[in-house]
PDB file of all heavy atoms in Angstrom:
ATOM      1  N   ALA A   1       0.812  -1.218   0.000  1.00  0.00           N
ATOM      2  CA  ALA A   1       0.000   0.000   0.000  1.00  0.00           C
ATOM      3  C   ALA A   1       0.840   1.260   0.000  1.00  0.00           C
ATOM      4  O   ALA A   1       0.351   2.339  -0.327  1.00  0.00           O
ATOM      5  CB  ALA A   1      -0.922   0.004   1.219  1.00  0.00           C
ATOM      6  N   ARG A   2       2.119   1.159   0.361  1.00  0.00           N
ATOM      7  CA  ARG A   2       2.983   2.339   0.368  1.00  0.00           C
ATOM      8  C   ARG A   2       3.617   2.575  -1.003  1.00  0.00           C
ATOM      9  O   ARG A   2       4.268   3.594  -1.217  1.00  0.00           O
ATOM     10  CB  ARG A   2       4.084   2.164   1.410  1.00  0.00           C
ATOM     11  CG  ARG A   2       3.563   2.065   2.845  1.00  0.00           C
ATOM     12  CD  ARG A   2       4.615   1.507   3.778  1.00  0.00           C
ATOM     13  NE  ARG A   2       4.963   0.129   3.385  1.00  0.00           N
ATOM     14  CZ  ARG A   2       5.870  -0.616   4.010  1.00  0.00           C
ATOM     15  NH1 ARG A   2       6.518  -0.121   5.044  1.00  0.00           N
ATOM     16  NH2 ARG A   2       6.124  -1.847   3.604  1.00  0.00           N
ATOM     17  N   GLY A   3       3.414   1.636  -1.915  1.00  0.00           N
ATOM     18  CA  GLY A   3       4.032   1.737  -3.232  1.00  0.00           C
ATOM     19  C   GLY A   3       3.107   2.376  -4.250  1.00  0.00           C
ATOM     20  O   GLY A   3       2.093   2.984  -3.917  1.00  0.00           O
ATOM     21  N   THR A   4       3.478   2.250  -5.507  1.00  0.00           N
ATOM     22  CA  THR A   4       2.689   2.823  -6.586  1.00  0.00           C
ATOM     23  C   THR A   4       1.866   1.730  -7.250  1.00  0.00           C
ATOM     24  O   THR A   4       2.019   0.548  -6.970  1.00  0.00           O
ATOM     25  CB  THR A   4       3.604   3.487  -7.626  1.00  0.00           C
ATOM     26  OG1 THR A   4       4.532   2.506  -8.119  1.00  0.00           O
ATOM     27  CG2 THR A   4       4.367   4.639  -7.014  1.00  0.00           C
ATOM     28  N   TRP A   5       0.981   2.150  -8.110  1.00  0.00           N
ATOM     29  CA  TRP A   5       0.147   1.211  -8.858  1.00  0.00           C
ATOM     30  C   TRP A   5       1.033   0.218  -9.622  1.00  0.00           C
ATOM     31  O   TRP A   5       1.971   0.628 -10.302  1.00  0.00           O
ATOM     32  CB  TRP A   5      -0.731   1.986  -9.836  1.00  0.00           C
ATOM     33  CG  TRP A   5      -1.588   1.133 -10.688  1.00  0.00           C
ATOM     34  CD1 TRP A   5      -1.333   0.724 -11.973  1.00  0.00           C
ATOM     35  CD2 TRP A   5      -2.852   0.568 -10.342  1.00  0.00           C
ATOM     36  NE1 TRP A   5      -2.361  -0.059 -12.437  1.00  0.00           N
ATOM     37  CE2 TRP A   5      -3.304  -0.173 -11.454  1.00  0.00           C
ATOM     38  CE3 TRP A   5      -3.644   0.604  -9.200  1.00  0.00           C
ATOM     39  CZ2 TRP A   5      -4.521  -0.857 -11.459  1.00  0.00           C
ATOM     40  CZ3 TRP A   5      -4.847  -0.073  -9.203  1.00  0.00           C
ATOM     41  CH2 TRP A   5      -5.277  -0.792 -10.324  1.00  0.00           C
ATOM     42  N   PRO A   6       0.751  -1.088  -9.519  1.00  0.00           N
ATOM     43  CA  PRO A   6       1.602  -2.090 -10.195  1.00  0.00           C
ATOM     44  C   PRO A   6       1.332  -2.139 -11.696  1.00  0.00           C
ATOM     45  O   PRO A   6       0.795  -3.101 -12.232  1.00  0.00           O
ATOM     46  CB  PRO A   6       1.204  -3.392  -9.496  1.00  0.00           C
ATOM     47  CG  PRO A   6      -0.194  -3.152  -9.025  1.00  0.00           C
ATOM     48  CD  PRO A   6      -0.292  -1.694  -8.679  1.00  0.00           C
ATOM     49  N   GLU A   7       1.750  -1.065 -12.371  1.00  0.00           N
ATOM     50  CA  GLU A   7       1.397  -0.893 -13.778  1.00  0.00           C
ATOM     51  C   GLU A   7       1.996  -1.989 -14.655  1.00  0.00           C
ATOM     52  O   GLU A   7       1.375  -2.433 -15.624  1.00  0.00           O
ATOM     53  CB  GLU A   7       1.875   0.478 -14.260  1.00  0.00           C
ATOM     54  CG  GLU A   7       1.342   0.858 -15.632  1.00  0.00           C
ATOM     55  CD  GLU A   7       1.700   2.294 -15.998  1.00  0.00           C
ATOM     56  OE1 GLU A   7       2.630   2.853 -15.403  1.00  0.00           O
ATOM     57  OE2 GLU A   7       1.039   2.828 -16.889  1.00  0.00           O
ATOM     58  N   ASP A   8       3.195  -2.450 -14.320  1.00  0.00           N
ATOM     59  CA  ASP A   8       3.833  -3.471 -15.147  1.00  0.00           C
ATOM     60  C   ASP A   8       3.009  -4.746 -15.191  1.00  0.00           C
ATOM     61  O   ASP A   8       2.946  -5.416 -16.226  1.00  0.00           O
ATOM     62  CB  ASP A   8       5.244  -3.781 -14.626  1.00  0.00           C
ATOM     63  CG  ASP A   8       6.202  -2.611 -14.823  1.00  0.00           C
ATOM     64  OD1 ASP A   8       5.868  -1.732 -15.633  1.00  0.00           O
ATOM     65  OD2 ASP A   8       7.249  -2.580 -14.164  1.00  0.00           O
ATOM     66  N   SER A   9       2.386  -5.095 -14.074  1.00  0.00           N
ATOM     67  CA  SER A   9       1.627  -6.345 -14.034  1.00  0.00           C
ATOM     68  C   SER A   9       0.150  -6.146 -14.344  1.00  0.00           C
ATOM     69  O   SER A   9      -0.490  -7.037 -14.910  1.00  0.00           O
ATOM     70  CB  SER A   9       1.780  -7.006 -12.656  1.00  0.00           C
ATOM     71  OG  SER A   9       1.352  -6.126 -11.635  1.00  0.00           O
ATOM     72  N   LEU A  10      -0.416  -4.998 -13.998  1.00  0.00           N
ATOM     73  CA  LEU A  10      -1.847  -4.796 -14.165  1.00  0.00           C
ATOM     74  C   LEU A  10      -2.211  -3.872 -15.321  1.00  0.00           C
ATOM     75  O   LEU A  10      -3.339  -3.900 -15.790  1.00  0.00           O
ATOM     76  CB  LEU A  10      -2.448  -4.213 -12.873  1.00  0.00           C
ATOM     77  CG  LEU A  10      -2.488  -5.135 -11.656  1.00  0.00           C
ATOM     78  CD1 LEU A  10      -3.190  -4.439 -10.494  1.00  0.00           C
ATOM     79  CD2 LEU A  10      -3.193  -6.439 -11.973  1.00  0.00           C
ATOM     80  N   GLY A  11      -1.274  -3.036 -15.779  1.00  0.00           N
ATOM     81  CA  GLY A  11      -1.651  -2.046 -16.777  1.00  0.00           C
ATOM     82  C   GLY A  11      -2.678  -1.086 -16.193  1.00  0.00           C
ATOM     83  O   GLY A  11      -2.790  -0.925 -14.986  1.00  0.00           O
ATOM     84  N   TRP A  12      -3.436  -0.436 -17.051  1.00  0.00           N
ATOM     85  CA  TRP A  12      -4.504   0.447 -16.583  1.00  0.00           C
ATOM     86  C   TRP A  12      -5.700   0.293 -17.513  1.00  0.00           C
ATOM     87  O   TRP A  12      -5.635   0.640 -18.692  1.00  0.00           O
ATOM     88  CB  TRP A  12      -4.059   1.908 -16.546  1.00  0.00           C
ATOM     89  CG  TRP A  12      -5.169   2.813 -16.089  1.00  0.00           C
ATOM     90  CD1 TRP A  12      -5.928   3.654 -16.854  1.00  0.00           C
ATOM     91  CD2 TRP A  12      -5.675   2.935 -14.752  1.00  0.00           C
ATOM     92  NE1 TRP A  12      -6.863   4.296 -16.085  1.00  0.00           N
ATOM     93  CE2 TRP A  12      -6.737   3.867 -14.788  1.00  0.00           C
ATOM     94  CE3 TRP A  12      -5.347   2.339 -13.536  1.00  0.00           C
ATOM     95  CZ2 TRP A  12      -7.466   4.222 -13.634  1.00  0.00           C
ATOM     96  CZ3 TRP A  12      -6.067   2.693 -12.406  1.00  0.00           C
ATOM     97  CH2 TRP A  12      -7.101   3.625 -12.465  1.00  0.00           C
ATOM     98  N   LEU A  13      -6.794  -0.228 -16.983  1.00  0.00           N
ATOM     99  CA  LEU A  13      -8.056  -0.294 -17.709  1.00  0.00           C
ATOM    100  C   LEU A  13      -8.959   0.790 -17.150  1.00  0.00           C
ATOM    101  O   LEU A  13      -9.250   0.787 -15.942  1.00  0.00           O
ATOM    102  CB  LEU A  13      -8.715  -1.665 -17.544  1.00  0.00           C
ATOM    103  CG  LEU A  13      -7.977  -2.837 -18.175  1.00  0.00           C
ATOM    104  CD1 LEU A  13      -8.688  -4.148 -17.842  1.00  0.00           C
ATOM    105  CD2 LEU A  13      -7.885  -2.662 -19.677  1.00  0.00           C
ATOM    106  N   PRO A  14      -9.421   1.736 -17.960  1.00  0.00           N
ATOM    107  CA  PRO A  14     -10.202   2.858 -17.436  1.00  0.00           C
ATOM    108  C   PRO A  14     -11.465   2.379 -16.722  1.00  0.00           C
ATOM    109  O   PRO A  14     -12.292   1.694 -17.332  1.00  0.00           O
ATOM    110  CB  PRO A  14     -10.553   3.666 -18.696  1.00  0.00           C
ATOM    111  CG  PRO A  14      -9.491   3.321 -19.676  1.00  0.00           C
ATOM    112  CD  PRO A  14      -9.152   1.884 -19.404  1.00  0.00           C
ATOM    113  N   PRO A  15     -11.657   2.742 -15.454  1.00  0.00           N
ATOM    114  CA  PRO A  15     -12.896   2.388 -14.763  1.00  0.00           C
ATOM    115  C   PRO A  15     -14.068   3.287 -15.152  1.00  0.00           C
ATOM    116  O   PRO A  15     -15.212   2.995 -14.818  1.00  0.00           O
ATOM    117  CB  PRO A  15     -12.531   2.561 -13.285  1.00  0.00           C
ATOM    118  CG  PRO A  15     -11.459   3.606 -13.298  1.00  0.00           C
ATOM    119  CD  PRO A  15     -10.689   3.402 -14.567  1.00  0.00           C
ATOM    120  N   SER A  16     -13.772   4.397 -15.845  1.00  0.00           N
ATOM    121  CA  SER A  16     -14.794   5.292 -16.382  1.00  0.00           C
ATOM    122  C   SER A  16     -14.146   6.091 -17.508  1.00  0.00           C
ATOM    123  O   SER A  16     -12.921   6.214 -17.572  1.00  0.00           O
ATOM    124  CB  SER A  16     -15.338   6.222 -15.291  1.00  0.00           C
ATOM    125  OG  SER A  16     -14.309   6.947 -14.666  1.00  0.00           O
ATOM    126  N   PRO A  17     -14.953   6.639 -18.425  1.00  0.00           N
ATOM    127  CA  PRO A  17     -14.383   7.251 -19.631  1.00  0.00           C
ATOM    128  C   PRO A  17     -13.432   8.408 -19.378  1.00  0.00           C
ATOM    129  O   PRO A  17     -12.504   8.619 -20.158  1.00  0.00           O
ATOM    130  CB  PRO A  17     -15.628   7.724 -20.404  1.00  0.00           C
ATOM    131  CG  PRO A  17     -16.734   6.846 -19.931  1.00  0.00           C
ATOM    132  CD  PRO A  17     -16.432   6.576 -18.487  1.00  0.00           C
ATOM    133  N   ALA A  18     -13.649   9.182 -18.302  1.00  0.00           N
ATOM    134  CA  ALA A  18     -12.830  10.370 -18.077  1.00  0.00           C
ATOM    135  C   ALA A  18     -11.522  10.072 -17.351  1.00  0.00           C
ATOM    136  O   ALA A  18     -10.773  10.995 -17.038  1.00  0.00           O
ATOM    137  CB  ALA A  18     -13.618  11.420 -17.296  1.00  0.00           C
ATOM    138  N   LEU A  19     -11.249   8.784 -17.102  1.00  0.00           N
ATOM    139  CA  LEU A  19      -9.978   8.404 -16.486  1.00  0.00           C
ATOM    140  C   LEU A  19      -9.254   7.429 -17.407  1.00  0.00           C
ATOM    141  O   LEU A  19      -9.037   6.264 -17.066  1.00  0.00           O
ATOM    142  CB  LEU A  19     -10.219   7.781 -15.104  1.00  0.00           C
ATOM    143  CG  LEU A  19     -10.885   8.686 -14.074  1.00  0.00           C
ATOM    144  CD1 LEU A  19     -11.127   7.932 -12.776  1.00  0.00           C
ATOM    145  CD2 LEU A  19     -10.059   9.946 -13.832  1.00  0.00           C
ATOM    146  N   PRO A  20      -8.847   7.914 -18.596  1.00  0.00           N
ATOM    147  CA  PRO A  20      -8.279   7.013 -19.597  1.00  0.00           C
ATOM    148  C   PRO A  20      -6.863   6.552 -19.301  1.00  0.00           C
ATOM    149  O   PRO A  20      -6.381   5.610 -19.915  1.00  0.00           O
ATOM    150  CB  PRO A  20      -8.309   7.855 -20.878  1.00  0.00           C
ATOM    151  CG  PRO A  20      -8.173   9.272 -20.390  1.00  0.00           C
ATOM    152  CD  PRO A  20      -8.951   9.297 -19.102  1.00  0.00           C
ATOM    153  N   SER A  21      -6.199   7.234 -18.364  1.00  0.00           N
ATOM    154  CA  SER A  21      -4.808   6.908 -18.066  1.00  0.00           C
ATOM    155  C   SER A  21      -4.606   6.839 -16.562  1.00  0.00           C
ATOM    156  O   SER A  21      -5.400   7.390 -15.777  1.00  0.00           O
ATOM    157  CB  SER A  21      -3.865   7.968 -18.651  1.00  0.00           C
ATOM    158  OG  SER A  21      -4.035   9.210 -17.971  1.00  0.00           O
ATOM    159  N   LEU A  22      -3.528   6.177 -16.168  1.00  0.00           N
ATOM    160  CA  LEU A  22      -3.199   6.133 -14.745  1.00  0.00           C
ATOM    161  C   LEU A  22      -2.934   7.529 -14.200  1.00  0.00           C
ATOM    162  O   LEU A  22      -3.373   7.863 -13.092  1.00  0.00           O
ATOM    163  CB  LEU A  22      -1.982   5.223 -14.537  1.00  0.00           C
ATOM    164  CG  LEU A  22      -1.434   5.139 -13.102  1.00  0.00           C
ATOM    165  CD1 LEU A  22      -2.505   4.692 -12.127  1.00  0.00           C
ATOM    166  CD2 LEU A  22      -0.233   4.204 -13.063  1.00  0.00           C
ATOM    167  N   ASP A  23      -2.259   8.385 -14.955  1.00  0.00           N
ATOM    168  CA  ASP A  23      -1.980   9.738 -14.469  1.00  0.00           C
ATOM    169  C   ASP A  23      -3.267  10.536 -14.264  1.00  0.00           C
ATOM    170  O   ASP A  23      -3.363  11.335 -13.328  1.00  0.00           O
ATOM    171  CB  ASP A  23      -1.039  10.466 -15.422  1.00  0.00           C
ATOM    172  CG  ASP A  23       0.410  10.005 -15.274  1.00  0.00           C
ATOM    173  OD1 ASP A  23       0.696   9.214 -14.344  1.00  0.00           O
ATOM    174  OD2 ASP A  23       1.249  10.418 -16.093  1.00  0.00           O
ATOM    175  N   ALA A  24      -4.261  10.331 -15.129  1.00  0.00           N
ATOM    176  CA  ALA A  24      -5.551  11.000 -14.928  1.00  0.00           C
ATOM    177  C   ALA A  24      -6.176  10.553 -13.615  1.00  0.00           C
ATOM    178  O   ALA A  24      -6.727  11.364 -12.867  1.00  0.00           O
ATOM    179  CB  ALA A  24      -6.485  10.704 -16.096  1.00  0.00           C
ATOM    180  N   ALA A  25      -6.100   9.250 -13.328  1.00  0.00           N
ATOM    181  CA  ALA A  25      -6.651   8.740 -12.068  1.00  0.00           C
ATOM    182  C   ALA A  25      -5.895   9.279 -10.866  1.00  0.00           C
ATOM    183  O   ALA A  25      -6.496   9.612  -9.834  1.00  0.00           O
ATOM    184  CB  ALA A  25      -6.611   7.213 -12.071  1.00  0.00           C
ATOM    185  N   LEU A  26      -4.560   9.397 -10.989  1.00  0.00           N
ATOM    186  CA  LEU A  26      -3.773   9.922  -9.878  1.00  0.00           C
ATOM    187  C   LEU A  26      -4.092  11.395  -9.614  1.00  0.00           C
ATOM    188  O   LEU A  26      -4.132  11.841  -8.467  1.00  0.00           O
ATOM    189  CB  LEU A  26      -2.283   9.750 -10.170  1.00  0.00           C
ATOM    190  CG  LEU A  26      -1.765   8.309 -10.238  1.00  0.00           C
ATOM    191  CD1 LEU A  26      -0.281   8.298 -10.575  1.00  0.00           C
ATOM    192  CD2 LEU A  26      -2.022   7.572  -8.934  1.00  0.00           C
ATOM    193  N   ALA A  27      -4.315  12.161 -10.662  1.00  0.00           N
ATOM    194  CA  ALA A  27      -4.599  13.593 -10.502  1.00  0.00           C
ATOM    195  C   ALA A  27      -6.038  13.857 -10.063  1.00  0.00           C
ATOM    196  O   ALA A  27      -6.327  14.919  -9.493  1.00  0.00           O
ATOM    197  CB  ALA A  27      -4.325  14.325 -11.818  1.00  0.00           C
ATOM    198  N   TYR A  28      -6.917  12.905 -10.284  1.00  0.00           N
ATOM    199  CA  TYR A  28      -8.350  13.105 -10.102  1.00  0.00           C
ATOM    200  C   TYR A  28      -8.756  13.622  -8.723  1.00  0.00           C
ATOM    201  O   TYR A  28      -9.543  14.571  -8.633  1.00  0.00           O
ATOM    202  CB  TYR A  28      -9.075  11.798 -10.431  1.00  0.00           C
ATOM    203  CG  TYR A  28     -10.553  11.812 -10.216  1.00  0.00           C
ATOM    204  CD1 TYR A  28     -11.407  12.461 -11.111  1.00  0.00           C
ATOM    205  CD2 TYR A  28     -11.131  11.174  -9.115  1.00  0.00           C
ATOM    206  CE1 TYR A  28     -12.780  12.464 -10.910  1.00  0.00           C
ATOM    207  CE2 TYR A  28     -12.489  11.169  -8.917  1.00  0.00           C
ATOM    208  CZ  TYR A  28     -13.312  11.815  -9.806  1.00  0.00           C
ATOM    209  OH  TYR A  28     -14.668  11.823  -9.599  1.00  0.00           O
ATOM    210  N   PRO A  29      -8.279  13.061  -7.605  1.00  0.00           N
ATOM    211  CA  PRO A  29      -8.763  13.560  -6.309  1.00  0.00           C
ATOM    212  C   PRO A  29      -8.535  15.048  -6.088  1.00  0.00           C
ATOM    213  O   PRO A  29      -9.348  15.703  -5.428  1.00  0.00           O
ATOM    214  CB  PRO A  29      -7.961  12.728  -5.298  1.00  0.00           C
ATOM    215  CG  PRO A  29      -7.613  11.478  -6.021  1.00  0.00           C
ATOM    216  CD  PRO A  29      -7.361  11.914  -7.437  1.00  0.00           C
ATOM    217  N   GLY A  30      -7.462  15.607  -6.629  1.00  0.00           N
ATOM    218  CA  GLY A  30      -7.189  17.026  -6.455  1.00  0.00           C
ATOM    219  C   GLY A  30      -7.805  17.895  -7.521  1.00  0.00           C
ATOM    220  O   GLY A  30      -8.403  18.941  -7.240  1.00  0.00           O
ATOM    221  N   VAL A  31      -7.705  17.463  -8.782  1.00  0.00           N
ATOM    222  CA  VAL A  31      -8.131  18.319  -9.900  1.00  0.00           C
ATOM    223  C   VAL A  31      -9.637  18.264 -10.118  1.00  0.00           C
ATOM    224  O   VAL A  31     -10.219  19.180 -10.707  1.00  0.00           O
ATOM    225  CB  VAL A  31      -7.358  17.928 -11.178  1.00  0.00           C
ATOM    226  CG1 VAL A  31      -7.768  18.780 -12.369  1.00  0.00           C
ATOM    227  CG2 VAL A  31      -5.851  18.071 -10.941  1.00  0.00           C
TER     228      VAL A  31
END
């Protein structure tokens, strides 16, 4: 839980259309 998203093993599948990338999801709570 202290690490980052395991992108190498899981990749990123958008859970909704406006979060197409991992960086969008990371920025979402603030922006």
